[in-house]
PDB file of all heavy atoms in Angstrom:
ATOM      1  N   VAL A   1       0.820  -1.210   0.002  1.00  0.00           N
ATOM      2  CA  VAL A   1      -0.009  -0.012   0.004  1.00  0.00           C
ATOM      3  C   VAL A   1       0.851   1.256   0.004  1.00  0.00           C
ATOM      4  O   VAL A   1       0.644   2.162  -0.819  1.00  0.00           O
ATOM      5  CB  VAL A   1      -0.963   0.008   1.207  1.00  0.00           C
ATOM      6  CG1 VAL A   1      -1.798   1.302   1.209  1.00  0.00           C
ATOM      7  CG2 VAL A   1      -1.880  -1.211   1.144  1.00  0.00           C
ATOM      8  N   ILE A   2       1.815   1.355   0.929  1.00  0.00           N
ATOM      9  CA  ILE A   2       2.622   2.574   1.016  1.00  0.00           C
ATOM     10  C   ILE A   2       4.037   2.381   0.486  1.00  0.00           C
ATOM     11  O   ILE A   2       4.817   3.328   0.370  1.00  0.00           O
ATOM     12  CB  ILE A   2       2.705   3.092   2.460  1.00  0.00           C
ATOM     13  CG1 ILE A   2       3.373   2.052   3.374  1.00  0.00           C
ATOM     14  CG2 ILE A   2       1.297   3.427   2.986  1.00  0.00           C
ATOM     15  CD1 ILE A   2       3.638   2.581   4.774  1.00  0.00           C
ATOM     16  N   GLY A   3       4.427   1.153   0.130  1.00  0.00           N
ATOM     17  CA  GLY A   3       5.724   0.914  -0.440  1.00  0.00           C
ATOM     18  C   GLY A   3       6.831   0.834   0.606  1.00  0.00           C
ATOM     19  O   GLY A   3       6.626   1.028   1.802  1.00  0.00           O
ATOM     20  N   ARG A   4       8.049   0.593   0.113  1.00  0.00           N
ATOM     21  CA  ARG A   4       9.220   0.458   0.986  1.00  0.00           C
ATOM     22  C   ARG A   4       9.958   1.796   1.177  1.00  0.00           C
ATOM     23  O   ARG A   4      10.949   1.848   1.862  1.00  0.00           O
ATOM     24  CB  ARG A   4      10.193  -0.572   0.399  1.00  0.00           C
ATOM     25  CG  ARG A   4       9.576  -1.918   0.077  1.00  0.00           C
ATOM     26  CD  ARG A   4       9.047  -2.636   1.329  1.00  0.00           C
ATOM     27  NE  ARG A   4      10.103  -3.003   2.211  1.00  0.00           N
ATOM     28  CZ  ARG A   4      10.757  -4.179   2.189  1.00  0.00           C
ATOM     29  NH1 ARG A   4      10.417  -5.098   1.264  1.00  0.00           N
ATOM     30  NH2 ARG A   4      11.722  -4.476   3.036  1.00  0.00           N
ATOM     31  N   GLY A   5       9.446   2.859   0.513  1.00  0.00           N
ATOM     32  CA  GLY A   5      10.075   4.177   0.694  1.00  0.00           C
ATOM     33  C   GLY A   5      11.115   4.471  -0.361  1.00  0.00           C
ATOM     34  O   GLY A   5      11.734   3.549  -0.919  1.00  0.00           O
ATOM     35  N   LEU A   6      11.307   5.760  -0.665  1.00  0.00           N
ATOM     36  CA  LEU A   6      12.329   6.153  -1.604  1.00  0.00           C
ATOM     37  C   LEU A   6      13.699   5.759  -1.054  1.00  0.00           C
ATOM     38  O   LEU A   6      13.953   5.873   0.157  1.00  0.00           O
ATOM     39  CB  LEU A   6      12.284   7.669  -1.853  1.00  0.00           C
ATOM     40  CG  LEU A   6      11.030   8.190  -2.563  1.00  0.00           C
ATOM     41  CD1 LEU A   6      11.113   9.702  -2.742  1.00  0.00           C
ATOM     42  CD2 LEU A   6      10.832   7.510  -3.924  1.00  0.00           C
ATOM     43  N   GLY A   7      14.596   5.341  -1.932  1.00  0.00           N
ATOM     44  CA  GLY A   7      15.912   4.950  -1.515  1.00  0.00           C
ATOM     45  C   GLY A   7      16.078   3.473  -1.246  1.00  0.00           C
ATOM     46  O   GLY A   7      17.198   2.962  -1.061  1.00  0.00           O
ATOM     47  N   TYR A   8      14.961   2.728  -1.194  1.00  0.00           N
ATOM     48  CA  TYR A   8      15.048   1.309  -0.907  1.00  0.00           C
ATOM     49  C   TYR A   8      15.801   0.565  -2.005  1.00  0.00           C
ATOM     50  O   TYR A   8      15.672   0.885  -3.198  1.00  0.00           O
ATOM     51  CB  TYR A   8      13.621   0.687  -0.760  1.00  0.00           C
ATOM     52  CG  TYR A   8      13.646  -0.800  -0.609  1.00  0.00           C
ATOM     53  CD1 TYR A   8      13.886  -1.360   0.633  1.00  0.00           C
ATOM     54  CD2 TYR A   8      13.394  -1.630  -1.677  1.00  0.00           C
ATOM     55  CE1 TYR A   8      13.928  -2.755   0.787  1.00  0.00           C
ATOM     56  CE2 TYR A   8      13.389  -3.012  -1.552  1.00  0.00           C
ATOM     57  CZ  TYR A   8      13.667  -3.578  -0.314  1.00  0.00           C
ATOM     58  OH  TYR A   8      13.689  -4.923  -0.175  1.00  0.00           O
ATOM     59  N   ALA A   9      16.637  -0.387  -1.615  1.00  0.00           N
ATOM     60  CA  ALA A   9      17.390  -1.173  -2.585  1.00  0.00           C
ATOM     61  C   ALA A   9      17.272  -2.658  -2.230  1.00  0.00           C
ATOM     62  O   ALA A   9      17.143  -2.996  -1.049  1.00  0.00           O
ATOM     63  CB  ALA A   9      18.871  -0.758  -2.594  1.00  0.00           C
ATOM     64  N   PHE A  10      17.279  -3.495  -3.239  1.00  0.00           N
ATOM     65  CA  PHE A  10      17.247  -4.914  -3.036  1.00  0.00           C
ATOM     66  C   PHE A  10      18.501  -5.545  -3.606  1.00  0.00           C
ATOM     67  O   PHE A  10      19.217  -4.940  -4.412  1.00  0.00           O
ATOM     68  CB  PHE A  10      15.979  -5.573  -3.643  1.00  0.00           C
ATOM     69  CG  PHE A  10      15.788  -5.251  -5.080  1.00  0.00           C
ATOM     70  CD1 PHE A  10      16.246  -6.100  -6.073  1.00  0.00           C
ATOM     71  CD2 PHE A  10      15.098  -4.075  -5.468  1.00  0.00           C
ATOM     72  CE1 PHE A  10      16.074  -5.796  -7.417  1.00  0.00           C
ATOM     73  CE2 PHE A  10      14.936  -3.780  -6.813  1.00  0.00           C
ATOM     74  CZ  PHE A  10      15.403  -4.646  -7.785  1.00  0.00           C
ATOM     75  N   VAL A  11      18.814  -6.763  -3.200  1.00  0.00           N
ATOM     76  CA  VAL A  11      20.055  -7.409  -3.571  1.00  0.00           C
ATOM     77  C   VAL A  11      19.856  -8.228  -4.825  1.00  0.00           C
ATOM     78  O   VAL A  11      18.877  -9.022  -4.911  1.00  0.00           O
ATOM     79  CB  VAL A  11      20.584  -8.315  -2.428  1.00  0.00           C
ATOM     80  CG1 VAL A  11      21.854  -9.040  -2.864  1.00  0.00           C
ATOM     81  CG2 VAL A  11      20.842  -7.484  -1.193  1.00  0.00           C
ATOM     82  N   VAL A  12      20.744  -8.074  -5.813  1.00  0.00           N
ATOM     83  CA  VAL A  12      20.688  -8.849  -7.044  1.00  0.00           C
ATOM     84  C   VAL A  12      22.061  -9.466  -7.288  1.00  0.00           C
ATOM     85  O   VAL A  12      23.084  -9.014  -6.735  1.00  0.00           O
ATOM     86  CB  VAL A  12      20.288  -7.987  -8.242  1.00  0.00           C
ATOM     87  CG1 VAL A  12      18.904  -7.440  -8.081  1.00  0.00           C
ATOM     88  CG2 VAL A  12      21.292  -6.856  -8.465  1.00  0.00           C
ATOM     89  N   ARG A  13      22.083 -10.492  -8.112  1.00  0.00           N
ATOM     90  CA  ARG A  13      23.361 -11.156  -8.462  1.00  0.00           C
ATOM     91  C   ARG A  13      23.699 -10.765  -9.899  1.00  0.00           C
ATOM     92  O   ARG A  13      22.917 -10.968 -10.842  1.00  0.00           O
ATOM     93  CB  ARG A  13      23.240 -12.659  -8.316  1.00  0.00           C
ATOM     94  CG  ARG A  13      24.558 -13.389  -8.528  1.00  0.00           C
ATOM     95  CD  ARG A  13      24.383 -14.900  -8.325  1.00  0.00           C
ATOM     96  NE  ARG A  13      23.980 -15.213  -6.971  1.00  0.00           N
ATOM     97  CZ  ARG A  13      24.848 -15.364  -5.944  1.00  0.00           C
ATOM     98  NH1 ARG A  13      26.136 -15.203  -6.160  1.00  0.00           N
ATOM     99  NH2 ARG A  13      24.388 -15.653  -4.744  1.00  0.00           N
ATOM    100  N   GLU A  14      24.888 -10.227 -10.113  1.00  0.00           N
ATOM    101  CA  GLU A  14      25.328  -9.833 -11.457  1.00  0.00           C
ATOM    102  C   GLU A  14      25.500 -11.071 -12.302  1.00  0.00           C
ATOM    103  O   GLU A  14      26.109 -12.058 -11.879  1.00  0.00           O
ATOM    104  CB  GLU A  14      26.624  -9.035 -11.370  1.00  0.00           C
ATOM    105  CG  GLU A  14      26.480  -7.702 -10.659  1.00  0.00           C
ATOM    106  CD  GLU A  14      27.761  -6.893 -10.694  1.00  0.00           C
ATOM    107  OE1 GLU A  14      28.829  -7.507 -11.002  1.00  0.00           O
ATOM    108  OE2 GLU A  14      27.722  -5.726 -10.379  1.00  0.00           O
ATOM    109  N   PRO A  15      24.963 -11.047 -13.555  1.00  0.00           N
ATOM    110  CA  PRO A  15      24.958 -12.249 -14.392  1.00  0.00           C
ATOM    111  C   PRO A  15      26.358 -12.697 -14.844  1.00  0.00           C
ATOM    112  O   PRO A  15      26.577 -13.878 -15.077  1.00  0.00           O
ATOM    113  CB  PRO A  15      24.090 -11.854 -15.599  1.00  0.00           C
ATOM    114  CG  PRO A  15      24.184 -10.355 -15.619  1.00  0.00           C
ATOM    115  CD  PRO A  15      24.294  -9.915 -14.211  1.00  0.00           C
ATOM    116  N   ILE A  16      27.283 -11.764 -15.005  1.00  0.00           N
ATOM    117  CA  ILE A  16      28.617 -12.106 -15.545  1.00  0.00           C
ATOM    118  C   ILE A  16      29.590 -12.406 -14.413  1.00  0.00           C
ATOM    119  O   ILE A  16      30.248 -13.461 -14.391  1.00  0.00           O
ATOM    120  CB  ILE A  16      29.129 -10.956 -16.437  1.00  0.00           C
ATOM    121  CG1 ILE A  16      28.186 -10.732 -17.629  1.00  0.00           C
ATOM    122  CG2 ILE A  16      30.541 -11.255 -16.921  1.00  0.00           C
ATOM    123  CD1 ILE A  16      28.576  -9.581 -18.507  1.00  0.00           C
ATOM    124  N   THR A  17      29.679 -11.516 -13.434  1.00  0.00           N
ATOM    125  CA  THR A  17      30.658 -11.705 -12.351  1.00  0.00           C
ATOM    126  C   THR A  17      30.118 -12.570 -11.219  1.00  0.00           C
ATOM    127  O   THR A  17      30.889 -13.026 -10.371  1.00  0.00           O
ATOM    128  CB  THR A  17      31.042 -10.339 -11.756  1.00  0.00           C
ATOM    129  OG1 THR A  17      29.865  -9.712 -11.177  1.00  0.00           O
ATOM    130  CG2 THR A  17      31.582  -9.425 -12.819  1.00  0.00           C
ATOM    131  N   ASN A  18      28.794 -12.771 -11.184  1.00  0.00           N
ATOM    132  CA  ASN A  18      28.125 -13.596 -10.149  1.00  0.00           C
ATOM    133  C   ASN A  18      28.252 -12.992  -8.748  1.00  0.00           C
ATOM    134  O   ASN A  18      28.075 -13.667  -7.766  1.00  0.00           O
ATOM    135  CB  ASN A  18      28.695 -15.018 -10.147  1.00  0.00           C
ATOM    136  CG  ASN A  18      27.692 -16.024  -9.622  1.00  0.00           C
ATOM    137  OD1 ASN A  18      26.477 -15.888  -9.853  1.00  0.00           O
ATOM    138  ND2 ASN A  18      28.152 -17.012  -8.894  1.00  0.00           N
ATOM    139  N   ARG A  19      28.556 -11.721  -8.690  1.00  0.00           N
ATOM    140  CA  ARG A  19      28.666 -11.038  -7.385  1.00  0.00           C
ATOM    141  C   ARG A  19      27.323 -10.450  -6.987  1.00  0.00           C
ATOM    142  O   ARG A  19      26.524 -10.054  -7.830  1.00  0.00           O
ATOM    143  CB  ARG A  19      29.711  -9.912  -7.462  1.00  0.00           C
ATOM    144  CG  ARG A  19      31.143 -10.391  -7.641  1.00  0.00           C
ATOM    145  CD  ARG A  19      32.103  -9.242  -7.650  1.00  0.00           C
ATOM    146  NE  ARG A  19      31.794  -8.278  -8.694  1.00  0.00           N
ATOM    147  CZ  ARG A  19      32.504  -7.157  -8.928  1.00  0.00           C
ATOM    148  NH1 ARG A  19      33.534  -6.888  -8.162  1.00  0.00           N
ATOM    149  NH2 ARG A  19      32.169  -6.367  -9.899  1.00  0.00           N
ATOM    150  N   LEU A  20      27.116 -10.361  -5.675  1.00  0.00           N
ATOM    151  CA  LEU A  20      25.903  -9.752  -5.116  1.00  0.00           C
ATOM    152  C   LEU A  20      26.102  -8.243  -4.972  1.00  0.00           C
ATOM    153  O   LEU A  20      27.183  -7.776  -4.581  1.00  0.00           O
ATOM    154  CB  LEU A  20      25.559 -10.345  -3.762  1.00  0.00           C
ATOM    155  CG  LEU A  20      25.192 -11.837  -3.753  1.00  0.00           C
ATOM    156  CD1 LEU A  20      24.948 -12.306  -2.319  1.00  0.00           C
ATOM    157  CD2 LEU A  20      23.930 -12.084  -4.567  1.00  0.00           C
ATOM    158  N   ARG A  21      25.060  -7.468  -5.300  1.00  0.00           N
ATOM    159  CA  ARG A  21      25.142  -6.025  -5.121  1.00  0.00           C
ATOM    160  C   ARG A  21      23.745  -5.477  -4.870  1.00  0.00           C
ATOM    161  O   ARG A  21      22.727  -6.100  -5.222  1.00  0.00           O
ATOM    162  CB  ARG A  21      25.743  -5.355  -6.366  1.00  0.00           C
ATOM    163  CG  ARG A  21      24.926  -5.485  -7.627  1.00  0.00           C
ATOM    164  CD  ARG A  21      25.551  -4.702  -8.781  1.00  0.00           C
ATOM    165  NE  ARG A  21      24.840  -4.913 -10.015  1.00  0.00           N
ATOM    166  CZ  ARG A  21      23.774  -4.202 -10.375  1.00  0.00           C
ATOM    167  NH1 ARG A  21      23.299  -3.232  -9.581  1.00  0.00           N
ATOM    168  NH2 ARG A  21      23.153  -4.426 -11.529  1.00  0.00           N
ATOM    169  N   GLU A  22      23.693  -4.284  -4.262  1.00  0.00           N
ATOM    170  CA  GLU A  22      22.428  -3.618  -4.040  1.00  0.00           C
ATOM    171  C   GLU A  22      22.013  -2.820  -5.261  1.00  0.00           C
ATOM    172  O   GLU A  22      22.855  -2.239  -5.954  1.00  0.00           O
ATOM    173  CB  GLU A  22      22.514  -2.689  -2.832  1.00  0.00           C
ATOM    174  CG  GLU A  22      22.508  -3.387  -1.500  1.00  0.00           C
ATOM    175  CD  GLU A  22      22.293  -2.460  -0.340  1.00  0.00           C
ATOM    176  OE1 GLU A  22      22.533  -1.230  -0.513  1.00  0.00           O
ATOM    177  OE2 GLU A  22      21.888  -2.921   0.720  1.00  0.00           O
ATOM    178  N   GLN A  23      20.728  -2.809  -5.573  1.00  0.00           N
ATOM    179  CA  GLN A  23      20.197  -2.109  -6.734  1.00  0.00           C
ATOM    180  C   GLN A  23      18.951  -1.304  -6.322  1.00  0.00           C
ATOM    181  O   GLN A  23      18.010  -1.884  -5.826  1.00  0.00           O
ATOM    182  CB  GLN A  23      19.860  -3.098  -7.846  1.00  0.00           C
ATOM    183  CG  GLN A  23      19.284  -2.479  -9.092  1.00  0.00           C
ATOM    184  CD  GLN A  23      19.109  -3.519 -10.183  1.00  0.00           C
ATOM    185  OE1 GLN A  23      20.036  -4.212 -10.568  1.00  0.00           O
ATOM    186  NE2 GLN A  23      17.899  -3.624 -10.696  1.00  0.00           N
ATOM    187  N   TRP A  24      18.982   0.012  -6.557  1.00  0.00           N
ATOM    188  CA  TRP A  24      17.858   0.861  -6.138  1.00  0.00           C
ATOM    189  C   TRP A  24      16.793   0.966  -7.245  1.00  0.00           C
ATOM    190  O   TRP A  24      15.683   1.377  -6.973  1.00  0.00           O
ATOM    191  CB  TRP A  24      18.328   2.264  -5.761  1.00  0.00           C
ATOM    192  CG  TRP A  24      18.929   3.054  -6.912  1.00  0.00           C
ATOM    193  CD1 TRP A  24      20.229   3.111  -7.236  1.00  0.00           C
ATOM    194  CD2 TRP A  24      18.224   3.874  -7.841  1.00  0.00           C
ATOM    195  NE1 TRP A  24      20.408   3.929  -8.336  1.00  0.00           N
ATOM    196  CE2 TRP A  24      19.186   4.400  -8.734  1.00  0.00           C
ATOM    197  CE3 TRP A  24      16.890   4.207  -8.036  1.00  0.00           C
ATOM    198  CZ2 TRP A  24      18.839   5.248  -9.775  1.00  0.00           C
ATOM    199  CZ3 TRP A  24      16.545   5.063  -9.078  1.00  0.00           C
ATOM    200  CH2 TRP A  24      17.513   5.568  -9.947  1.00  0.00           C
ATOM    201  N   PHE A  25      17.149   0.630  -8.469  1.00  0.00           N
ATOM    202  CA  PHE A  25      16.241   0.840  -9.610  1.00  0.00           C
ATOM    203  C   PHE A  25      15.642  -0.470 -10.101  1.00  0.00           C
ATOM    204  O   PHE A  25      16.126  -1.559  -9.786  1.00  0.00           O
ATOM    205  CB  PHE A  25      16.972   1.553 -10.752  1.00  0.00           C
ATOM    206  CG  PHE A  25      18.185   0.785 -11.235  1.00  0.00           C
ATOM    207  CD1 PHE A  25      18.091  -0.209 -12.194  1.00  0.00           C
ATOM    208  CD2 PHE A  25      19.447   1.109 -10.722  1.00  0.00           C
ATOM    209  CE1 PHE A  25      19.212  -0.915 -12.618  1.00  0.00           C
ATOM    210  CE2 PHE A  25      20.571   0.425 -11.154  1.00  0.00           C
ATOM    211  CZ  PHE A  25      20.456  -0.581 -12.099  1.00  0.00           C
ATOM    212  N   VAL A  26      14.555  -0.356 -10.858  1.00  0.00           N
ATOM    213  CA  VAL A  26      13.939  -1.488 -11.535  1.00  0.00           C
ATOM    214  C   VAL A  26      13.651  -1.061 -12.963  1.00  0.00           C
ATOM    215  O   VAL A  26      13.168   0.059 -13.202  1.00  0.00           O
ATOM    216  CB  VAL A  26      12.602  -1.910 -10.856  1.00  0.00           C
ATOM    217  CG1 VAL A  26      11.985  -3.110 -11.544  1.00  0.00           C
ATOM    218  CG2 VAL A  26      12.782  -2.141  -9.371  1.00  0.00           C
ATOM    219  N   HIS A  27      13.929  -1.921 -13.927  1.00  0.00           N
ATOM    220  CA  HIS A  27      13.721  -1.571 -15.344  1.00  0.00           C
ATOM    221  C   HIS A  27      12.234  -1.681 -15.707  1.00  0.00           C
ATOM    222  O   HIS A  27      11.871  -2.289 -16.723  1.00  0.00           O
ATOM    223  CB  HIS A  27      14.580  -2.465 -16.241  1.00  0.00           C
ATOM    224  CG  HIS A  27      16.030  -2.073 -16.258  1.00  0.00           C
ATOM    225  ND1 HIS A  27      16.926  -2.547 -15.329  1.00  0.00           N
ATOM    226  CD2 HIS A  27      16.715  -1.218 -17.077  1.00  0.00           C
ATOM    227  CE1 HIS A  27      18.120  -2.032 -15.578  1.00  0.00           C
ATOM    228  NE2 HIS A  27      18.031  -1.241 -16.635  1.00  0.00           N
ATOM    229  N   ASN A  28      11.428  -1.106 -14.900  1.00  0.00           N
ATOM    230  CA  ASN A  28      10.003  -0.920 -15.166  1.00  0.00           C
ATOM    231  C   ASN A  28       9.504   0.101 -14.157  1.00  0.00           C
ATOM    232  O   ASN A  28       9.439  -0.180 -12.983  1.00  0.00           O
ATOM    233  CB  ASN A  28       9.223  -2.241 -15.030  1.00  0.00           C
ATOM    234  CG  ASN A  28       7.743  -2.081 -15.334  1.00  0.00           C
ATOM    235  OD1 ASN A  28       7.035  -1.320 -14.699  1.00  0.00           O
ATOM    236  ND2 ASN A  28       7.265  -2.816 -16.343  1.00  0.00           N
ATOM    237  N   TYR A  29       9.183   1.308 -14.630  1.00  0.00           N
ATOM    238  CA  TYR A  29       8.884   2.408 -13.712  1.00  0.00           C
ATOM    239  C   TYR A  29       7.649   2.148 -12.885  1.00  0.00           C
ATOM    240  O   TYR A  29       7.580   2.548 -11.727  1.00  0.00           O
ATOM    241  CB  TYR A  29       8.744   3.693 -14.503  1.00  0.00           C
ATOM    242  CG  TYR A  29       8.583   4.934 -13.648  1.00  0.00           C
ATOM    243  CD1 TYR A  29       9.623   5.399 -12.876  1.00  0.00           C
ATOM    244  CD2 TYR A  29       7.366   5.628 -13.624  1.00  0.00           C
ATOM    245  CE1 TYR A  29       9.479   6.535 -12.101  1.00  0.00           C
ATOM    246  CE2 TYR A  29       7.233   6.774 -12.847  1.00  0.00           C
ATOM    247  CZ  TYR A  29       8.290   7.209 -12.077  1.00  0.00           C
ATOM    248  OH  TYR A  29       8.115   8.327 -11.316  1.00  0.00           O
ATOM    249  N   TYR A  30       6.697   1.443 -13.463  1.00  0.00           N
ATOM    250  CA  TYR A  30       5.437   1.189 -12.716  1.00  0.00           C
ATOM    251  C   TYR A  30       5.693   0.222 -11.578  1.00  0.00           C
ATOM    252  O   TYR A  30       5.158   0.414 -10.476  1.00  0.00           O
ATOM    253  CB  TYR A  30       4.387   0.643 -13.693  1.00  0.00           C
ATOM    254  CG  TYR A  30       4.253   1.479 -14.927  1.00  0.00           C
ATOM    255  CD1 TYR A  30       4.700   1.067 -16.169  1.00  0.00           C
ATOM    256  CD2 TYR A  30       3.687   2.764 -14.845  1.00  0.00           C
ATOM    257  CE1 TYR A  30       4.599   1.849 -17.294  1.00  0.00           C
ATOM    258  CE2 TYR A  30       3.565   3.572 -15.972  1.00  0.00           C
ATOM    259  CZ  TYR A  30       4.031   3.100 -17.204  1.00  0.00           C
ATOM    260  OH  TYR A  30       3.935   3.907 -18.312  1.00  0.00           O
ATOM    261  N   LEU A  31       6.495  -0.784 -11.835  1.00  0.00           N
ATOM    262  CA  LEU A  31       6.898  -1.687 -10.739  1.00  0.00           C
ATOM    263  C   LEU A  31       7.753  -0.978  -9.727  1.00  0.00           C
ATOM    264  O   LEU A  31       7.651  -1.205  -8.504  1.00  0.00           O
ATOM    265  CB  LEU A  31       7.649  -2.894 -11.339  1.00  0.00           C
ATOM    266  CG  LEU A  31       8.085  -3.980 -10.367  1.00  0.00           C
ATOM    267  CD1 LEU A  31       6.934  -4.485  -9.519  1.00  0.00           C
ATOM    268  CD2 LEU A  31       8.743  -5.140 -11.154  1.00  0.00           C
ATOM    269  N   LEU A  32       8.631  -0.078 -10.217  1.00  0.00           N
ATOM    270  CA  LEU A  32       9.447   0.712  -9.295  1.00  0.00           C
ATOM    271  C   LEU A  32       8.578   1.568  -8.364  1.00  0.00           C
ATOM    272  O   LEU A  32       8.820   1.668  -7.159  1.00  0.00           O
ATOM    273  CB  LEU A  32      10.398   1.608 -10.095  1.00  0.00           C
ATOM    274  CG  LEU A  32      11.296   2.557  -9.320  1.00  0.00           C
ATOM    275  CD1 LEU A  32      12.317   1.787  -8.517  1.00  0.00           C
ATOM    276  CD2 LEU A  32      11.956   3.549 -10.244  1.00  0.00           C
ATOM    277  N   LEU A  33       7.542   2.224  -8.943  1.00  0.00           N
ATOM    278  CA  LEU A  33       6.638   3.022  -8.130  1.00  0.00           C
ATOM    279  C   LEU A  33       5.928   2.186  -7.096  1.00  0.00           C
ATOM    280  O   LEU A  33       5.779   2.578  -5.921  1.00  0.00           O
ATOM    281  CB  LEU A  33       5.624   3.740  -9.007  1.00  0.00           C
ATOM    282  CG  LEU A  33       6.038   4.986  -9.728  1.00  0.00           C
ATOM    283  CD1 LEU A  33       4.856   5.594 -10.496  1.00  0.00           C
ATOM    284  CD2 LEU A  33       6.589   6.029  -8.760  1.00  0.00           C
ATOM    285  N   TRP A  34       5.449   1.005  -7.475  1.00  0.00           N
ATOM    286  CA  TRP A  34       4.771   0.145  -6.525  1.00  0.00           C
ATOM    287  C   TRP A  34       5.726  -0.253  -5.396  1.00  0.00           C
ATOM    288  O   TRP A  34       5.354  -0.264  -4.252  1.00  0.00           O
ATOM    289  CB  TRP A  34       4.236  -1.087  -7.265  1.00  0.00           C
ATOM    290  CG  TRP A  34       3.472  -2.028  -6.379  1.00  0.00           C
ATOM    291  CD1 TRP A  34       2.646  -1.688  -5.335  1.00  0.00           C
ATOM    292  CD2 TRP A  34       3.471  -3.441  -6.441  1.00  0.00           C
ATOM    293  NE1 TRP A  34       2.091  -2.812  -4.752  1.00  0.00           N
ATOM    294  CE2 TRP A  34       2.612  -3.915  -5.412  1.00  0.00           C
ATOM    295  CE3 TRP A  34       4.100  -4.382  -7.260  1.00  0.00           C
ATOM    296  CZ2 TRP A  34       2.381  -5.264  -5.181  1.00  0.00           C
ATOM    297  CZ3 TRP A  34       3.857  -5.711  -7.051  1.00  0.00           C
ATOM    298  CH2 TRP A  34       3.016  -6.162  -6.009  1.00  0.00           C
TER     299      TRP A  34
END
C-alpha cells in the first residue's frame, strides 16, 4: 500500500561476475513506483 520508501534497494546477483550487489532501480517504472 505505502511501499518500501524512496531509496530502498534490493540485492541482485550480477549475471557475468556472479557477485551480489544492491540495486535501487527497476527496469519498469510502474513496478518501481509500486
